[in-house]
Amino acid sequence: MDNDGEALEKLGEAAIVADRLLTLTGDVASEADVAACIDRAVGRFGGIDGIVCNAGIMKRLPAAELSYEDWRRVLDVNLSQSFLFAKHGGAALRRSRGAMLLVASTRAFMSEPDTESYSATKGGLFALAHSLAVSLSPEVRVNAVAPGWINVSGEELREVDHAQHLVGRVGEPEDVARAAAFLLDGEQSGFITGQTLVVDGGMTRKMIYAH
């Protein structure tokens, strides 16, 4: 589900098994769109085994310059979407004894300047994951991943960028995908719920001092 219909069309064309993919154009911050997404998915596949809340936007402005409308939009897209998908998808997940995955960020625990709205939502997802895990238990497990620096654009990075990480490199999208797949798979992670898994190559564990 995305608000970019053109990109979804390209995704559908590139899918290896097209009949296993249902693309829906909609806004994750719209309750009506989220409810329709759940209904169509259940109607198409007969149920839902997992829900991944991965939409996210950032408005990087000083607090004095960030409009209240932009603040609300970031909260609605990044944080409220997970509440909406839990509200409308919880019953289907209970029936399948499925799992839900929220995508937080290391911004839940550390910040850069002028990222108040983004950081607030990621901290909210950290708390929402354990709250939903309690409320939807025992049938549904709810966890979160908190990615660090992930090179989603594929740009060429500097050696100093990689050196900031204990594993010696910046993260790749596949690193997050593997962690997500693990947390969604009940056979592998059936005893894990209410947790946030940090996927950052150890970057947030390294104390950095200027010398």
N, C-alpha and C. Protein backbone atom coordinates (compact mmCIF):
# COMPACT_ATOMS: atom_id res chain seq x y z
N MET A 1 0.85 -1.19 0.00
CA MET A 1 0.00 0.00 0.00
C MET A 1 0.88 1.23 0.00
N ASP A 2 0.58 2.17 -0.91
CA ASP A 2 1.37 3.38 -1.01
C ASP A 2 0.49 4.45 -1.65
N ASN A 3 0.90 5.70 -1.51
CA ASN A 3 0.14 6.77 -2.17
C ASN A 3 0.68 7.08 -3.56
N ASP A 4 1.71 6.34 -3.99
CA ASP A 4 2.32 6.51 -5.32
C ASP A 4 1.82 5.39 -6.22
N GLY A 5 0.73 5.65 -6.93
CA GLY A 5 0.15 4.62 -7.78
C GLY A 5 1.06 4.17 -8.90
N GLU A 6 1.84 5.10 -9.45
CA GLU A 6 2.74 4.75 -10.55
C GLU A 6 3.82 3.79 -10.09
N ALA A 7 4.38 4.05 -8.91
CA ALA A 7 5.41 3.15 -8.38
C ALA A 7 4.83 1.78 -8.08
N LEU A 8 3.60 1.73 -7.59
CA LEU A 8 2.96 0.45 -7.31
C LEU A 8 2.75 -0.35 -8.59
N GLU A 9 2.40 0.35 -9.67
CA GLU A 9 2.21 -0.33 -10.94
C GLU A 9 3.51 -0.97 -11.41
N LYS A 10 4.62 -0.26 -11.26
CA LYS A 10 5.92 -0.81 -11.63
C LYS A 10 6.29 -2.00 -10.75
N LEU A 11 5.94 -1.91 -9.47
CA LEU A 11 6.21 -3.01 -8.56
C LEU A 11 5.44 -4.25 -8.99
N GLY A 12 4.18 -4.05 -9.38
CA GLY A 12 3.37 -5.18 -9.83
C GLY A 12 3.94 -5.83 -11.06
N GLU A 13 4.48 -5.02 -11.97
CA GLU A 13 5.06 -5.55 -13.20
C GLU A 13 6.34 -6.33 -12.92
N ALA A 14 7.05 -5.94 -11.86
CA ALA A 14 8.33 -6.58 -11.55
C ALA A 14 8.18 -7.80 -10.64
N ALA A 15 6.99 -8.01 -10.13
CA ALA A 15 6.78 -9.11 -9.18
C ALA A 15 7.01 -10.45 -9.85
N ILE A 16 7.71 -11.34 -9.15
CA ILE A 16 8.01 -12.67 -9.68
C ILE A 16 6.73 -13.50 -9.74
N VAL A 17 5.92 -13.41 -8.70
CA VAL A 17 4.66 -14.14 -8.66
C VAL A 17 3.55 -13.11 -8.49
N ALA A 18 3.05 -12.61 -9.59
CA ALA A 18 2.11 -11.50 -9.55
C ALA A 18 0.82 -11.82 -8.82
N ASP A 19 0.38 -13.08 -8.88
CA ASP A 19 -0.90 -13.41 -8.24
C ASP A 19 -0.80 -13.44 -6.73
N ARG A 20 0.42 -13.33 -6.20
CA ARG A 20 0.60 -13.27 -4.75
C ARG A 20 0.76 -11.84 -4.25
N LEU A 21 0.65 -10.88 -5.17
CA LEU A 21 0.84 -9.48 -4.81
C LEU A 21 -0.42 -8.68 -5.10
N LEU A 22 -0.91 -7.98 -4.11
CA LEU A 22 -2.04 -7.07 -4.27
C LEU A 22 -1.55 -5.68 -3.91
N THR A 23 -1.57 -4.75 -4.87
CA THR A 23 -1.14 -3.38 -4.60
C THR A 23 -2.36 -2.50 -4.42
N LEU A 24 -2.27 -1.62 -3.45
CA LEU A 24 -3.38 -0.73 -3.12
C LEU A 24 -2.87 0.70 -3.02
N THR A 25 -3.50 1.61 -3.74
CA THR A 25 -3.13 3.02 -3.66
C THR A 25 -3.94 3.66 -2.54
N GLY A 26 -3.26 4.25 -1.58
CA GLY A 26 -3.97 4.86 -0.46
C GLY A 26 -3.02 5.56 0.48
N ASP A 27 -3.58 6.23 1.46
CA ASP A 27 -2.85 7.01 2.45
C ASP A 27 -2.90 6.27 3.78
N VAL A 28 -1.75 5.89 4.32
CA VAL A 28 -1.72 5.15 5.58
C VAL A 28 -2.23 5.97 6.75
N ALA A 29 -2.32 7.30 6.56
CA ALA A 29 -2.83 8.16 7.63
C ALA A 29 -4.34 8.35 7.53
N SER A 30 -4.98 7.71 6.56
CA SER A 30 -6.43 7.78 6.40
C SER A 30 -7.06 6.52 6.96
N GLU A 31 -7.94 6.67 7.94
CA GLU A 31 -8.57 5.48 8.53
C GLU A 31 -9.39 4.72 7.49
N ALA A 32 -10.08 5.43 6.61
CA ALA A 32 -10.88 4.77 5.58
C ALA A 32 -10.00 3.96 4.65
N ASP A 33 -8.84 4.51 4.26
CA ASP A 33 -7.94 3.79 3.37
C ASP A 33 -7.35 2.56 4.04
N VAL A 34 -6.99 2.68 5.31
CA VAL A 34 -6.44 1.53 6.03
C VAL A 34 -7.49 0.43 6.17
N ALA A 35 -8.70 0.81 6.52
CA ALA A 35 -9.77 -0.18 6.65
C ALA A 35 -10.03 -0.88 5.32
N ALA A 36 -10.01 -0.11 4.22
CA ALA A 36 -10.22 -0.69 2.90
C ALA A 36 -9.08 -1.64 2.53
N CYS A 37 -7.86 -1.28 2.91
CA CYS A 37 -6.70 -2.12 2.64
C CYS A 37 -6.85 -3.48 3.33
N ILE A 38 -7.23 -3.46 4.60
CA ILE A 38 -7.43 -4.70 5.34
C ILE A 38 -8.53 -5.54 4.71
N ASP A 39 -9.66 -4.90 4.39
CA ASP A 39 -10.79 -5.63 3.81
C ASP A 39 -10.42 -6.28 2.48
N ARG A 40 -9.70 -5.55 1.64
CA ARG A 40 -9.33 -6.10 0.34
C ARG A 40 -8.32 -7.22 0.47
N ALA A 41 -7.40 -7.08 1.40
CA ALA A 41 -6.40 -8.13 1.61
C ALA A 41 -7.06 -9.42 2.11
N VAL A 42 -7.96 -9.28 3.07
CA VAL A 42 -8.67 -10.45 3.59
C VAL A 42 -9.52 -11.07 2.49
N GLY A 43 -10.19 -10.23 1.71
CA GLY A 43 -11.02 -10.74 0.63
C GLY A 43 -10.22 -11.47 -0.44
N ARG A 44 -9.02 -10.99 -0.72
CA ARG A 44 -8.19 -11.57 -1.77
C ARG A 44 -7.52 -12.86 -1.31
N PHE A 45 -6.98 -12.84 -0.08
CA PHE A 45 -6.16 -13.96 0.37
C PHE A 45 -6.82 -14.82 1.46
N GLY A 46 -7.98 -14.40 1.92
CA GLY A 46 -8.69 -15.19 2.92
C GLY A 46 -8.26 -14.94 4.35
N GLY A 47 -7.27 -14.11 4.54
CA GLY A 47 -6.80 -13.81 5.89
C GLY A 47 -5.51 -13.00 5.83
N ILE A 48 -4.99 -12.66 6.99
CA ILE A 48 -3.74 -11.90 7.08
C ILE A 48 -2.85 -12.56 8.12
N ASP A 49 -1.63 -12.90 7.72
CA ASP A 49 -0.68 -13.52 8.64
C ASP A 49 0.24 -12.51 9.31
N GLY A 50 0.48 -11.38 8.64
CA GLY A 50 1.37 -10.38 9.21
C GLY A 50 1.08 -9.01 8.65
N ILE A 51 1.36 -8.01 9.44
CA ILE A 51 1.22 -6.61 9.02
C ILE A 51 2.53 -5.90 9.31
N VAL A 52 3.07 -5.23 8.31
CA VAL A 52 4.30 -4.44 8.47
C VAL A 52 3.96 -2.97 8.24
N CYS A 53 4.22 -2.14 9.23
CA CYS A 53 3.96 -0.70 9.13
C CYS A 53 5.28 0.00 8.86
N ASN A 54 5.52 0.31 7.59
CA ASN A 54 6.84 0.77 7.16
C ASN A 54 6.84 2.17 6.56
N ALA A 55 5.68 2.82 6.48
CA ALA A 55 5.64 4.16 5.89
C ALA A 55 6.29 5.17 6.83
N GLY A 56 7.00 6.14 6.25
CA GLY A 56 7.64 7.15 7.08
C GLY A 56 8.04 8.37 6.27
N ILE A 57 7.86 9.54 6.86
CA ILE A 57 8.28 10.79 6.25
C ILE A 57 9.02 11.62 7.29
N MET A 58 9.78 12.61 6.81
CA MET A 58 10.49 13.51 7.72
C MET A 58 10.34 14.95 7.25
N LYS A 59 10.08 15.85 8.17
CA LYS A 59 10.11 17.28 7.93
C LYS A 59 11.23 17.86 8.79
N ARG A 60 12.37 18.12 8.16
CA ARG A 60 13.54 18.54 8.94
C ARG A 60 13.61 20.06 8.96
N LEU A 61 13.05 20.64 10.02
CA LEU A 61 13.01 22.09 10.20
C LEU A 61 13.16 22.41 11.68
N PRO A 62 13.72 23.57 12.02
CA PRO A 62 13.73 23.98 13.42
C PRO A 62 12.30 24.05 13.96
N ALA A 63 12.14 23.75 15.22
CA ALA A 63 10.80 23.73 15.81
C ALA A 63 10.05 25.04 15.58
N ALA A 64 10.78 26.16 15.63
CA ALA A 64 10.13 27.46 15.45
C ALA A 64 9.60 27.66 14.03
N GLU A 65 10.12 26.88 13.08
CA GLU A 65 9.69 27.02 11.69
C GLU A 65 8.79 25.89 11.21
N LEU A 66 8.65 24.85 12.02
CA LEU A 66 7.82 23.71 11.64
C LEU A 66 6.35 24.03 11.92
N SER A 67 5.53 23.99 10.90
CA SER A 67 4.11 24.29 11.10
C SER A 67 3.44 23.17 11.88
N TYR A 68 2.38 23.52 12.58
CA TYR A 68 1.65 22.50 13.32
C TYR A 68 1.05 21.47 12.38
N GLU A 69 0.66 21.90 11.18
CA GLU A 69 0.11 20.99 10.18
C GLU A 69 1.16 19.95 9.77
N ASP A 70 2.42 20.40 9.56
CA ASP A 70 3.48 19.46 9.21
C ASP A 70 3.79 18.53 10.38
N TRP A 71 3.80 19.07 11.59
CA TRP A 71 4.00 18.23 12.78
C TRP A 71 2.96 17.12 12.82
N ARG A 72 1.69 17.48 12.64
CA ARG A 72 0.60 16.51 12.68
C ARG A 72 0.72 15.49 11.55
N ARG A 73 1.14 15.94 10.36
CA ARG A 73 1.25 15.03 9.23
C ARG A 73 2.31 13.97 9.49
N VAL A 74 3.45 14.38 10.05
CA VAL A 74 4.50 13.40 10.36
C VAL A 74 4.01 12.39 11.39
N LEU A 75 3.32 12.88 12.42
CA LEU A 75 2.78 11.96 13.43
C LEU A 75 1.75 11.01 12.84
N ASP A 76 0.89 11.53 11.96
CA ASP A 76 -0.16 10.68 11.38
C ASP A 76 0.43 9.58 10.50
N VAL A 77 1.41 9.95 9.66
CA VAL A 77 1.99 8.97 8.74
C VAL A 77 2.89 7.98 9.49
N ASN A 78 3.74 8.47 10.35
CA ASN A 78 4.75 7.61 10.97
C ASN A 78 4.23 6.81 12.15
N LEU A 79 3.33 7.39 12.92
CA LEU A 79 2.90 6.76 14.17
C LEU A 79 1.45 6.29 14.13
N SER A 80 0.54 7.18 13.73
CA SER A 80 -0.88 6.81 13.78
C SER A 80 -1.21 5.67 12.83
N GLN A 81 -0.45 5.52 11.74
CA GLN A 81 -0.72 4.41 10.82
C GLN A 81 -0.68 3.07 11.55
N SER A 82 0.26 2.90 12.48
CA SER A 82 0.37 1.62 13.17
C SER A 82 -0.83 1.37 14.07
N PHE A 83 -1.32 2.42 14.70
CA PHE A 83 -2.55 2.28 15.48
C PHE A 83 -3.71 1.88 14.58
N LEU A 84 -3.82 2.53 13.41
CA LEU A 84 -4.94 2.24 12.51
C LEU A 84 -4.88 0.81 11.98
N PHE A 85 -3.68 0.34 11.62
CA PHE A 85 -3.57 -1.03 11.13
C PHE A 85 -3.84 -2.05 12.24
N ALA A 86 -3.47 -1.72 13.47
CA ALA A 86 -3.80 -2.61 14.59
C ALA A 86 -5.31 -2.60 14.85
N LYS A 87 -5.91 -1.43 14.77
CA LYS A 87 -7.35 -1.31 15.01
C LYS A 87 -8.15 -2.13 14.00
N HIS A 88 -7.80 -1.99 12.72
CA HIS A 88 -8.60 -2.63 11.68
C HIS A 88 -8.08 -4.01 11.28
N GLY A 89 -6.83 -4.31 11.59
CA GLY A 89 -6.28 -5.61 11.23
C GLY A 89 -6.12 -6.58 12.38
N GLY A 90 -6.37 -6.10 13.60
CA GLY A 90 -6.16 -6.94 14.77
C GLY A 90 -6.99 -8.21 14.77
N ALA A 91 -8.25 -8.10 14.36
CA ALA A 91 -9.13 -9.29 14.38
C ALA A 91 -8.62 -10.35 13.42
N ALA A 92 -8.18 -9.94 12.22
CA ALA A 92 -7.66 -10.90 11.25
C ALA A 92 -6.38 -11.54 11.76
N LEU A 93 -5.54 -10.77 12.42
CA LEU A 93 -4.30 -11.32 12.97
C LEU A 93 -4.59 -12.30 14.11
N ARG A 94 -5.61 -12.02 14.91
CA ARG A 94 -5.98 -12.95 15.98
C ARG A 94 -6.40 -14.29 15.40
N ARG A 95 -7.18 -14.24 14.32
CA ARG A 95 -7.67 -15.49 13.72
C ARG A 95 -6.53 -16.34 13.19
N SER A 96 -5.50 -15.70 12.65
CA SER A 96 -4.37 -16.44 12.09
C SER A 96 -3.23 -16.66 13.08
N ARG A 97 -3.39 -16.08 14.29
CA ARG A 97 -2.30 -16.07 15.27
C ARG A 97 -1.04 -15.52 14.62
N GLY A 98 -1.22 -14.36 13.98
CA GLY A 98 -0.15 -13.74 13.21
C GLY A 98 0.72 -12.79 14.01
N ALA A 99 1.42 -11.93 13.29
CA ALA A 99 2.38 -11.02 13.90
C ALA A 99 2.31 -9.66 13.24
N MET A 100 2.70 -8.66 13.98
CA MET A 100 2.73 -7.29 13.49
C MET A 100 4.12 -6.73 13.72
N LEU A 101 4.62 -5.98 12.74
CA LEU A 101 5.95 -5.39 12.85
C LEU A 101 5.88 -3.90 12.59
N LEU A 102 6.37 -3.11 13.54
CA LEU A 102 6.44 -1.66 13.39
C LEU A 102 7.88 -1.29 13.06
N VAL A 103 8.05 -0.31 12.19
CA VAL A 103 9.41 0.11 11.82
C VAL A 103 9.72 1.44 12.51
N ALA A 104 10.49 1.34 13.58
CA ALA A 104 10.92 2.52 14.34
C ALA A 104 12.24 3.01 13.75
N SER A 105 13.15 3.44 14.58
CA SER A 105 14.44 3.96 14.12
C SER A 105 15.31 4.17 15.35
N THR A 106 16.62 4.23 15.12
CA THR A 106 17.51 4.59 16.23
C THR A 106 17.26 6.02 16.68
N ARG A 107 16.49 6.79 15.89
CA ARG A 107 16.09 8.14 16.31
C ARG A 107 15.17 8.08 17.53
N ALA A 108 14.68 6.92 17.87
CA ALA A 108 13.91 6.79 19.10
C ALA A 108 14.79 6.95 20.33
N PHE A 109 16.11 6.78 20.14
CA PHE A 109 17.04 6.79 21.27
C PHE A 109 18.11 7.87 21.17
N MET A 110 18.28 8.47 19.99
CA MET A 110 19.28 9.51 19.79
C MET A 110 18.79 10.41 18.67
N SER A 111 19.31 11.64 18.61
CA SER A 111 18.77 12.61 17.66
C SER A 111 19.84 13.45 16.99
N GLU A 112 19.43 14.06 15.88
CA GLU A 112 20.15 15.14 15.24
C GLU A 112 19.31 16.40 15.38
N PRO A 113 19.88 17.59 15.15
CA PRO A 113 19.09 18.81 15.27
C PRO A 113 17.91 18.83 14.30
N ASP A 114 16.83 19.45 14.73
CA ASP A 114 15.68 19.77 13.88
C ASP A 114 14.94 18.53 13.39
N THR A 115 14.90 17.49 14.22
CA THR A 115 14.17 16.28 13.84
C THR A 115 13.12 15.91 14.89
N GLU A 116 12.56 16.93 15.55
CA GLU A 116 11.66 16.66 16.66
C GLU A 116 10.45 15.80 16.28
N SER A 117 9.81 16.14 15.18
CA SER A 117 8.60 15.39 14.82
C SER A 117 8.94 13.95 14.47
N TYR A 118 10.00 13.76 13.72
CA TYR A 118 10.40 12.40 13.32
C TYR A 118 10.81 11.58 14.54
N SER A 119 11.65 12.15 15.39
CA SER A 119 12.13 11.42 16.56
C SER A 119 10.97 11.08 17.51
N ALA A 120 10.03 12.00 17.64
CA ALA A 120 8.88 11.76 18.51
C ALA A 120 8.07 10.57 18.02
N THR A 121 7.92 10.45 16.70
CA THR A 121 7.14 9.32 16.18
C THR A 121 7.88 8.01 16.38
N LYS A 122 9.19 8.02 16.22
CA LYS A 122 9.94 6.78 16.36
C LYS A 122 9.98 6.33 17.81
N GLY A 123 10.07 7.29 18.73
CA GLY A 123 9.95 6.94 20.14
C GLY A 123 8.57 6.41 20.46
N GLY A 124 7.55 6.98 19.83
CA GLY A 124 6.19 6.50 20.02
C GLY A 124 6.00 5.08 19.53
N LEU A 125 6.65 4.73 18.42
CA LEU A 125 6.55 3.37 17.90
C LEU A 125 7.21 2.36 18.83
N PHE A 126 8.31 2.76 19.46
CA PHE A 126 8.96 1.90 20.46
C PHE A 126 7.96 1.54 21.56
N ALA A 127 7.23 2.54 22.06
CA ALA A 127 6.26 2.29 23.13
C ALA A 127 5.02 1.58 22.61
N LEU A 128 4.58 1.95 21.42
CA LEU A 128 3.37 1.33 20.86
C LEU A 128 3.58 -0.16 20.63
N ALA A 129 4.79 -0.56 20.26
CA ALA A 129 5.05 -1.98 20.01
C ALA A 129 4.80 -2.81 21.27
N HIS A 130 5.29 -2.37 22.41
CA HIS A 130 5.06 -3.18 23.61
C HIS A 130 3.64 -3.03 24.13
N SER A 131 3.01 -1.89 23.88
CA SER A 131 1.62 -1.72 24.29
C SER A 131 0.69 -2.63 23.50
N LEU A 132 0.87 -2.66 22.18
CA LEU A 132 0.06 -3.53 21.34
C LEU A 132 0.35 -5.00 21.63
N ALA A 133 1.60 -5.32 21.94
CA ALA A 133 1.95 -6.70 22.26
C ALA A 133 1.14 -7.20 23.46
N VAL A 134 0.95 -6.33 24.45
CA VAL A 134 0.16 -6.69 25.62
C VAL A 134 -1.32 -6.81 25.24
N SER A 135 -1.82 -5.83 24.51
CA SER A 135 -3.25 -5.78 24.21
C SER A 135 -3.70 -6.90 23.26
N LEU A 136 -2.85 -7.30 22.32
CA LEU A 136 -3.23 -8.31 21.33
C LEU A 136 -2.79 -9.72 21.72
N SER A 137 -2.14 -9.85 22.87
CA SER A 137 -1.72 -11.18 23.31
C SER A 137 -2.93 -12.00 23.77
N PRO A 138 -2.83 -13.32 23.77
CA PRO A 138 -1.66 -14.12 23.38
C PRO A 138 -1.65 -14.51 21.90
N GLU A 139 -2.71 -14.15 21.17
CA GLU A 139 -2.78 -14.63 19.78
C GLU A 139 -1.80 -13.94 18.84
N VAL A 140 -1.53 -12.66 19.09
CA VAL A 140 -0.74 -11.87 18.15
C VAL A 140 0.55 -11.39 18.81
N ARG A 141 1.67 -11.57 18.12
CA ARG A 141 2.93 -11.00 18.58
C ARG A 141 3.16 -9.67 17.86
N VAL A 142 3.68 -8.69 18.60
CA VAL A 142 3.98 -7.38 18.03
C VAL A 142 5.40 -6.99 18.43
N ASN A 143 6.23 -6.71 17.43
CA ASN A 143 7.60 -6.27 17.67
C ASN A 143 7.91 -5.08 16.77
N ALA A 144 9.09 -4.52 16.95
CA ALA A 144 9.53 -3.41 16.11
C ALA A 144 10.99 -3.61 15.75
N VAL A 145 11.39 -3.03 14.63
CA VAL A 145 12.81 -2.92 14.29
C VAL A 145 13.17 -1.45 14.33
N ALA A 146 14.39 -1.17 14.73
CA ALA A 146 14.88 0.20 14.78
C ALA A 146 16.15 0.29 13.95
N PRO A 147 16.01 0.55 12.64
CA PRO A 147 17.19 0.64 11.79
C PRO A 147 18.01 1.88 12.12
N GLY A 148 19.30 1.77 11.88
CA GLY A 148 20.18 2.92 11.97
C GLY A 148 20.39 3.49 10.58
N TRP A 149 21.65 3.71 10.21
CA TRP A 149 21.98 4.27 8.90
C TRP A 149 21.87 3.16 7.86
N ILE A 150 20.86 3.26 7.01
CA ILE A 150 20.64 2.29 5.95
C ILE A 150 20.77 3.01 4.60
N ASN A 151 21.62 2.51 3.74
CA ASN A 151 21.87 3.16 2.45
C ASN A 151 20.78 2.76 1.45
N VAL A 152 19.62 3.35 1.59
CA VAL A 152 18.48 2.99 0.73
C VAL A 152 18.64 3.54 -0.68
N SER A 153 19.44 4.58 -0.86
CA SER A 153 19.59 5.18 -2.18
C SER A 153 20.66 4.51 -3.02
N GLY A 154 21.51 3.71 -2.39
CA GLY A 154 22.59 3.04 -3.11
C GLY A 154 23.73 3.96 -3.48
N GLU A 155 23.80 5.14 -2.84
CA GLU A 155 24.86 6.10 -3.16
C GLU A 155 26.22 5.60 -2.68
N GLU A 156 27.27 6.10 -3.31
CA GLU A 156 28.62 5.74 -2.91
C GLU A 156 28.98 6.51 -1.65
N LEU A 157 29.42 5.80 -0.63
CA LEU A 157 29.70 6.41 0.66
C LEU A 157 31.20 6.48 0.92
N ARG A 158 31.57 7.32 1.90
CA ARG A 158 32.98 7.51 2.24
C ARG A 158 33.44 6.44 3.23
N GLU A 159 34.72 6.25 3.31
CA GLU A 159 35.27 5.29 4.25
C GLU A 159 34.93 5.68 5.69
N VAL A 160 34.92 6.98 5.97
CA VAL A 160 34.60 7.43 7.32
C VAL A 160 33.16 7.11 7.69
N ASP A 161 32.27 7.07 6.69
CA ASP A 161 30.88 6.69 6.96
C ASP A 161 30.80 5.25 7.44
N HIS A 162 31.52 4.38 6.77
CA HIS A 162 31.52 2.96 7.16
C HIS A 162 32.21 2.75 8.49
N ALA A 163 33.27 3.53 8.74
CA ALA A 163 34.08 3.34 9.95
C ALA A 163 33.33 3.67 11.23
N GLN A 164 32.22 4.40 11.13
CA GLN A 164 31.44 4.74 12.33
C GLN A 164 30.69 3.53 12.89
N HIS A 165 30.65 2.45 12.13
CA HIS A 165 29.89 1.27 12.52
C HIS A 165 30.83 0.18 13.02
N LEU A 166 30.44 -0.51 14.09
CA LEU A 166 31.29 -1.55 14.65
C LEU A 166 31.52 -2.69 13.67
N VAL A 167 30.57 -2.93 12.76
CA VAL A 167 30.74 -4.01 11.80
C VAL A 167 31.51 -3.55 10.57
N GLY A 168 31.88 -2.26 10.50
CA GLY A 168 32.73 -1.76 9.44
C GLY A 168 32.03 -1.33 8.17
N ARG A 169 30.70 -1.21 8.21
CA ARG A 169 30.00 -0.78 7.00
C ARG A 169 28.64 -0.18 7.37
N VAL A 170 28.14 0.66 6.46
CA VAL A 170 26.78 1.19 6.58
C VAL A 170 25.80 0.08 6.21
N GLY A 171 24.61 0.13 6.76
CA GLY A 171 23.62 -0.91 6.52
C GLY A 171 23.02 -0.86 5.12
N GLU A 172 22.47 -2.00 4.70
CA GLU A 172 21.77 -2.13 3.43
C GLU A 172 20.32 -2.52 3.71
N PRO A 173 19.41 -2.23 2.78
CA PRO A 173 17.99 -2.58 3.01
C PRO A 173 17.79 -4.05 3.37
N GLU A 174 18.62 -4.93 2.80
CA GLU A 174 18.48 -6.36 3.08
C GLU A 174 18.72 -6.67 4.56
N ASP A 175 19.54 -5.87 5.23
CA ASP A 175 19.79 -6.10 6.65
C ASP A 175 18.50 -5.93 7.46
N VAL A 176 17.72 -4.93 7.10
CA VAL A 176 16.46 -4.70 7.79
C VAL A 176 15.43 -5.75 7.39
N ALA A 177 15.42 -6.11 6.10
CA ALA A 177 14.46 -7.10 5.61
C ALA A 177 14.64 -8.44 6.31
N ARG A 178 15.88 -8.84 6.53
CA ARG A 178 16.14 -10.12 7.19
C ARG A 178 15.67 -10.08 8.65
N ALA A 179 15.92 -8.96 9.30
CA ALA A 179 15.47 -8.83 10.69
C ALA A 179 13.94 -8.85 10.76
N ALA A 180 13.30 -8.17 9.81
CA ALA A 180 11.84 -8.14 9.77
C ALA A 180 11.27 -9.53 9.53
N ALA A 181 11.86 -10.25 8.57
CA ALA A 181 11.39 -11.60 8.27
C ALA A 181 11.52 -12.51 9.49
N PHE A 182 12.61 -12.36 10.22
CA PHE A 182 12.81 -13.17 11.43
C PHE A 182 11.73 -12.90 12.46
N LEU A 183 11.42 -11.63 12.71
CA LEU A 183 10.44 -11.28 13.73
C LEU A 183 9.02 -11.64 13.33
N LEU A 184 8.75 -11.73 12.04
CA LEU A 184 7.41 -12.10 11.57
C LEU A 184 7.20 -13.60 11.56
N ASP A 185 8.25 -14.37 11.52
CA ASP A 185 8.17 -15.82 11.41
C ASP A 185 7.97 -16.45 12.79
N GLY A 186 6.77 -16.96 13.03
CA GLY A 186 6.46 -17.52 14.33
C GLY A 186 7.29 -18.73 14.71
N GLU A 187 7.78 -19.49 13.73
CA GLU A 187 8.61 -20.64 14.05
C GLU A 187 9.97 -20.22 14.57
N GLN A 188 10.48 -19.10 14.06
CA GLN A 188 11.81 -18.65 14.47
C GLN A 188 11.77 -17.73 15.68
N SER A 189 10.72 -16.94 15.78
CA SER A 189 10.69 -15.91 16.85
C SER A 189 9.40 -15.96 17.66
N GLY A 190 8.83 -17.15 17.78
CA GLY A 190 7.54 -17.28 18.46
C GLY A 190 7.56 -16.93 19.93
N PHE A 191 8.74 -16.84 20.54
CA PHE A 191 8.85 -16.51 21.96
C PHE A 191 9.30 -15.06 22.14
N ILE A 192 9.21 -14.27 21.08
CA ILE A 192 9.64 -12.87 21.13
C ILE A 192 8.44 -11.97 20.83
N THR A 193 8.11 -11.08 21.74
CA THR A 193 7.04 -10.11 21.50
C THR A 193 7.26 -8.90 22.39
N GLY A 194 6.78 -7.75 21.92
CA GLY A 194 6.91 -6.52 22.69
C GLY A 194 8.31 -5.93 22.66
N GLN A 195 9.15 -6.40 21.75
CA GLN A 195 10.55 -5.99 21.72
C GLN A 195 10.84 -5.08 20.53
N THR A 196 11.91 -4.30 20.65
CA THR A 196 12.43 -3.50 19.54
C THR A 196 13.86 -3.94 19.27
N LEU A 197 14.07 -4.45 18.06
CA LEU A 197 15.39 -4.94 17.66
C LEU A 197 16.14 -3.83 16.92
N VAL A 198 17.25 -3.40 17.48
CA VAL A 198 18.06 -2.36 16.86
C VAL A 198 18.95 -2.98 15.79
N VAL A 199 18.85 -2.45 14.57
CA VAL A 199 19.61 -2.96 13.44
C VAL A 199 20.47 -1.81 12.91
N ASP A 200 21.65 -1.63 13.51
CA ASP A 200 22.44 -0.43 13.22
C ASP A 200 23.93 -0.69 13.11
N GLY A 201 24.32 -1.97 12.99
CA GLY A 201 25.76 -2.26 12.87
C GLY A 201 26.56 -1.85 14.09
N GLY A 202 25.87 -1.66 15.21
CA GLY A 202 26.56 -1.28 16.45
C GLY A 202 26.85 0.21 16.58
N MET A 203 26.33 1.02 15.66
CA MET A 203 26.68 2.44 15.66
C MET A 203 26.27 3.15 16.95
N THR A 204 25.11 2.80 17.51
CA THR A 204 24.64 3.48 18.72
C THR A 204 25.33 2.96 19.98
N ARG A 205 26.17 1.97 19.85
CA ARG A 205 26.91 1.44 21.02
C ARG A 205 28.33 2.01 21.11
N LYS A 206 28.72 2.81 20.13
CA LYS A 206 30.09 3.33 20.10
C LYS A 206 30.11 4.75 20.64
N MET A 207 30.83 4.97 21.72
CA MET A 207 30.96 6.32 22.27
C MET A 207 31.96 7.12 21.45
N ILE A 208 31.56 8.28 20.99
CA ILE A 208 32.40 9.09 20.11
C ILE A 208 32.80 10.38 20.82
N TYR A 209 34.10 10.59 20.99
CA TYR A 209 34.60 11.81 21.60
C TYR A 209 35.48 12.56 20.58
N ALA A 210 35.41 13.87 20.63
CA ALA A 210 36.27 14.68 19.77
C ALA A 210 37.62 14.86 20.46
N HIS A 211 38.71 14.58 19.75
CA HIS A 211 40.05 14.71 20.32
C HIS A 211 40.84 15.75 19.55
